Amino acid sequence: MEYISTRLTKCMDISSPIVVTPMAFVSTASLISAITSAGAFGFFGAGFDTSEQLVNTLRTIRGDLHVPPDAPLPVGVGFISWVLKLTEGSDDPRLVCVLEELPRAIWIAFGDDLGDYIAQVRAYDRKRNFKTLIYVIVNSVEEALRATDEWKVDALVVQGKLPILKAV
């Protein structure tokens, strides 16, 4: 396979500038393992999975890719911030258990409190010798500036807003 060198491939340590987005119920462990084995970067969507299910998925991927338990896992996990908000105060918080599995990246989307979760990831990383890359979805120039200037995210996923009623 030919290596395609871009800023993305260098940052993510991949051979093809392809990123599979996190889609709950679609981005399965086998899909993410196959994508990663092919040289791209895959995120799986946490959706409403429990922390136990998330850890099991990451460990399945780790086994598929033959990555030792203490090594960073070359995949990402995507979270919906309002789901994190629902589970954070419960007896089954998701974010820390996922970070303990050393995914290369976290994707956070959909909510007003993205910065809070980014801060949690950064604080967790300061306690160890590992930096989790952070992707966020932005819908405007203002959100992009906040994500880069205030939150210091590693990657922006730019999504436009379509005025549906005007388009119909």
Protein backbone atom coordinates (compact mmCIF):
# COMPACT_ATOMS: atom_id res chain seq x y z
CA MET A 1 0.00 0.00 0.00
CA GLU A 2 1.28 3.44 -0.90
CA TYR A 3 1.71 5.98 1.89
CA ILE A 4 0.02 9.36 1.37
CA SER A 5 1.82 12.03 3.37
CA THR A 6 -0.31 14.91 4.67
CA ARG A 7 -0.51 16.86 7.92
CA LEU A 8 -3.37 14.58 8.93
CA THR A 9 -1.47 11.36 8.24
CA LYS A 10 1.52 12.65 10.19
CA CYS A 11 -0.58 13.82 13.15
CA MET A 12 -2.62 10.61 13.34
CA ASP A 13 0.24 8.27 12.34
CA ILE A 14 -1.79 6.74 9.51
CA SER A 15 -0.93 5.95 5.89
CA SER A 16 -4.14 7.21 4.24
CA PRO A 17 -5.83 10.55 4.99
CA ILE A 18 -9.15 8.90 5.76
CA VAL A 19 -11.04 9.27 9.04
CA VAL A 20 -14.15 7.22 9.73
CA THR A 21 -16.58 9.20 11.85
CA PRO A 22 -18.11 7.83 15.03
CA MET A 23 -21.57 6.48 14.32
CA ALA A 24 -23.35 4.67 17.13
CA PHE A 25 -24.75 1.30 16.02
CA VAL A 26 -22.74 1.48 12.76
CA SER A 27 -19.05 1.87 13.60
CA THR A 28 -18.55 -1.57 15.10
CA ALA A 29 -15.36 -3.02 16.53
CA SER A 30 -14.83 -5.07 13.36
CA LEU A 31 -15.30 -2.02 11.10
CA ILE A 32 -12.90 0.11 13.15
CA SER A 33 -10.33 -2.72 13.26
CA ALA A 34 -10.55 -3.15 9.47
CA ILE A 35 -10.29 0.59 8.80
CA THR A 36 -7.27 0.88 11.08
CA SER A 37 -5.60 -2.17 9.55
CA ALA A 38 -6.05 -0.57 6.11
CA GLY A 39 -4.11 2.54 7.19
CA ALA A 40 -6.96 4.94 7.97
CA PHE A 41 -8.19 6.20 11.34
CA GLY A 42 -11.45 4.98 12.79
CA PHE A 43 -13.68 6.36 15.50
CA PHE A 44 -16.45 4.29 16.98
CA GLY A 45 -19.51 5.97 18.41
CA ALA A 46 -20.09 5.50 22.13
CA GLY A 47 -23.80 6.19 21.75
CA PHE A 48 -25.65 4.94 24.83
CA ASP A 49 -23.23 2.07 25.52
CA THR A 50 -22.34 1.45 29.15
CA SER A 51 -18.77 1.91 30.33
CA GLU A 52 -18.41 -1.88 30.39
CA GLN A 53 -19.56 -2.14 26.76
CA LEU A 54 -17.18 0.65 25.73
CA VAL A 55 -14.21 -1.00 27.44
CA ASN A 56 -15.12 -4.36 25.88
CA THR A 57 -15.29 -2.77 22.41
CA LEU A 58 -11.89 -1.13 22.88
CA ARG A 59 -10.39 -4.39 24.13
CA THR A 60 -11.84 -6.27 21.16
CA ILE A 61 -10.24 -3.74 18.81
CA ARG A 62 -6.98 -3.97 20.77
CA GLY A 63 -7.02 -7.76 20.29
CA ASP A 64 -7.91 -7.50 16.60
CA LEU A 65 -4.99 -5.11 16.04
CA HIS A 66 -2.58 -7.02 18.32
CA VAL A 67 -1.86 -3.93 20.42
CA PRO A 68 -0.43 -4.67 23.89
CA PRO A 69 -2.62 -3.62 26.86
CA ASP A 70 -0.28 -0.82 27.96
CA ALA A 71 0.24 0.67 24.48
CA PRO A 72 -1.84 3.48 22.95
CA LEU A 73 -4.70 2.19 20.83
CA PRO A 74 -4.67 3.74 17.32
CA VAL A 75 -8.42 4.43 17.23
CA GLY A 76 -10.82 7.02 18.59
CA VAL A 77 -14.09 7.12 20.50
CA GLY A 78 -16.85 9.60 19.72
CA PHE A 79 -19.10 10.96 22.44
CA ILE A 80 -22.29 12.99 22.32
CA SER A 81 -21.89 15.56 25.07
CA TRP A 82 -25.50 15.44 26.22
CA VAL A 83 -25.17 11.68 26.71
CA LEU A 84 -22.02 12.30 28.75
CA LYS A 85 -23.97 14.84 30.79
CA LEU A 86 -26.68 12.26 31.53
CA THR A 87 -24.18 9.62 32.62
CA GLU A 88 -21.55 11.77 34.34
CA GLY A 89 -23.45 11.97 37.61
CA SER A 90 -24.55 8.34 37.45
CA ASP A 91 -22.82 5.27 38.81
CA ASP A 92 -21.60 4.55 35.26
CA PRO A 93 -19.56 7.51 33.95
CA ARG A 94 -18.10 6.87 30.49
CA LEU A 95 -15.20 9.23 29.81
CA VAL A 96 -12.61 8.09 32.37
CA CYS A 97 -13.06 4.37 31.68
CA VAL A 98 -12.47 5.04 27.98
CA LEU A 99 -9.39 7.20 28.64
CA GLU A 100 -7.93 4.38 30.75
CA GLU A 101 -7.88 2.24 27.58
CA LEU A 102 -5.55 4.77 25.85
CA PRO A 103 -7.46 5.60 22.66
CA ARG A 104 -5.45 7.89 20.38
CA ALA A 105 -8.35 10.35 20.08
CA ILE A 106 -11.67 11.45 21.52
CA TRP A 107 -14.42 13.09 19.44
CA ILE A 108 -16.92 15.28 21.30
CA ALA A 109 -20.05 16.65 19.65
CA PHE A 110 -23.51 18.12 20.13
CA GLY A 111 -23.92 20.21 23.23
CA ASP A 112 -23.20 23.45 24.99
CA ASP A 113 -20.67 21.97 27.40
CA LEU A 114 -18.01 20.60 25.04
CA GLY A 115 -15.34 22.66 26.79
CA ASP A 116 -16.06 20.93 30.11
CA TYR A 117 -15.35 17.50 28.62
CA ILE A 118 -12.28 18.73 26.77
CA ALA A 119 -10.97 20.07 30.10
CA GLN A 120 -11.62 16.67 31.71
CA VAL A 121 -9.62 14.90 29.00
CA ARG A 122 -6.73 17.37 29.32
CA ALA A 123 -6.74 17.08 33.14
CA TYR A 124 -6.70 13.28 32.91
CA ASP A 125 -3.82 13.38 30.42
CA ARG A 126 -1.75 15.63 32.70
CA LYS A 127 -1.67 12.77 35.24
CA ARG A 128 0.01 10.42 32.77
CA ASN A 129 2.55 10.40 29.97
CA PHE A 130 0.05 10.43 27.09
CA LYS A 131 -1.81 13.07 25.09
CA THR A 132 -5.25 12.18 23.77
CA LEU A 133 -6.06 14.05 20.56
CA ILE A 134 -9.38 15.87 20.70
CA TYR A 135 -11.75 16.34 17.76
CA VAL A 136 -14.86 18.54 18.03
CA ILE A 137 -17.68 19.36 15.65
CA VAL A 138 -18.14 23.07 14.97
CA ASN A 139 -20.97 24.74 13.08
CA SER A 140 -19.77 28.32 12.77
CA VAL A 141 -16.70 30.50 12.63
CA GLU A 142 -17.36 31.53 16.24
CA GLU A 143 -17.43 27.91 17.40
CA ALA A 144 -14.25 27.16 15.44
CA LEU A 145 -12.44 30.08 17.05
CA ARG A 146 -13.57 29.06 20.52
CA ALA A 147 -12.49 25.46 19.92
CA THR A 148 -9.04 26.46 18.70
CA ASP A 149 -8.33 29.52 20.85
CA GLU A 150 -10.01 28.61 24.13
CA TRP A 151 -10.19 24.81 24.18
CA LYS A 152 -6.99 24.17 22.15
CA VAL A 153 -8.50 21.18 20.34
CA ASP A 154 -6.40 19.16 17.92
CA ALA A 155 -8.91 18.88 15.08
CA LEU A 156 -12.05 20.63 13.94
CA VAL A 157 -14.82 18.74 12.21
CA VAL A 158 -16.56 21.48 10.27
CA GLN A 159 -20.28 21.00 9.76
CA GLY A 160 -22.50 23.59 8.15
CA LYS A 161 -26.00 24.61 9.09
CA LEU A 162 -28.60 24.18 6.40
CA PRO A 163 -31.77 26.22 6.74
CA ILE A 164 -34.00 23.28 5.79
CA LEU A 165 -37.25 25.22 5.46
CA LYS A 166 -35.65 27.78 3.15
CA ALA A 167 -34.13 25.03 1.03
CA VAL A 168 -37.42 23.20 0.47
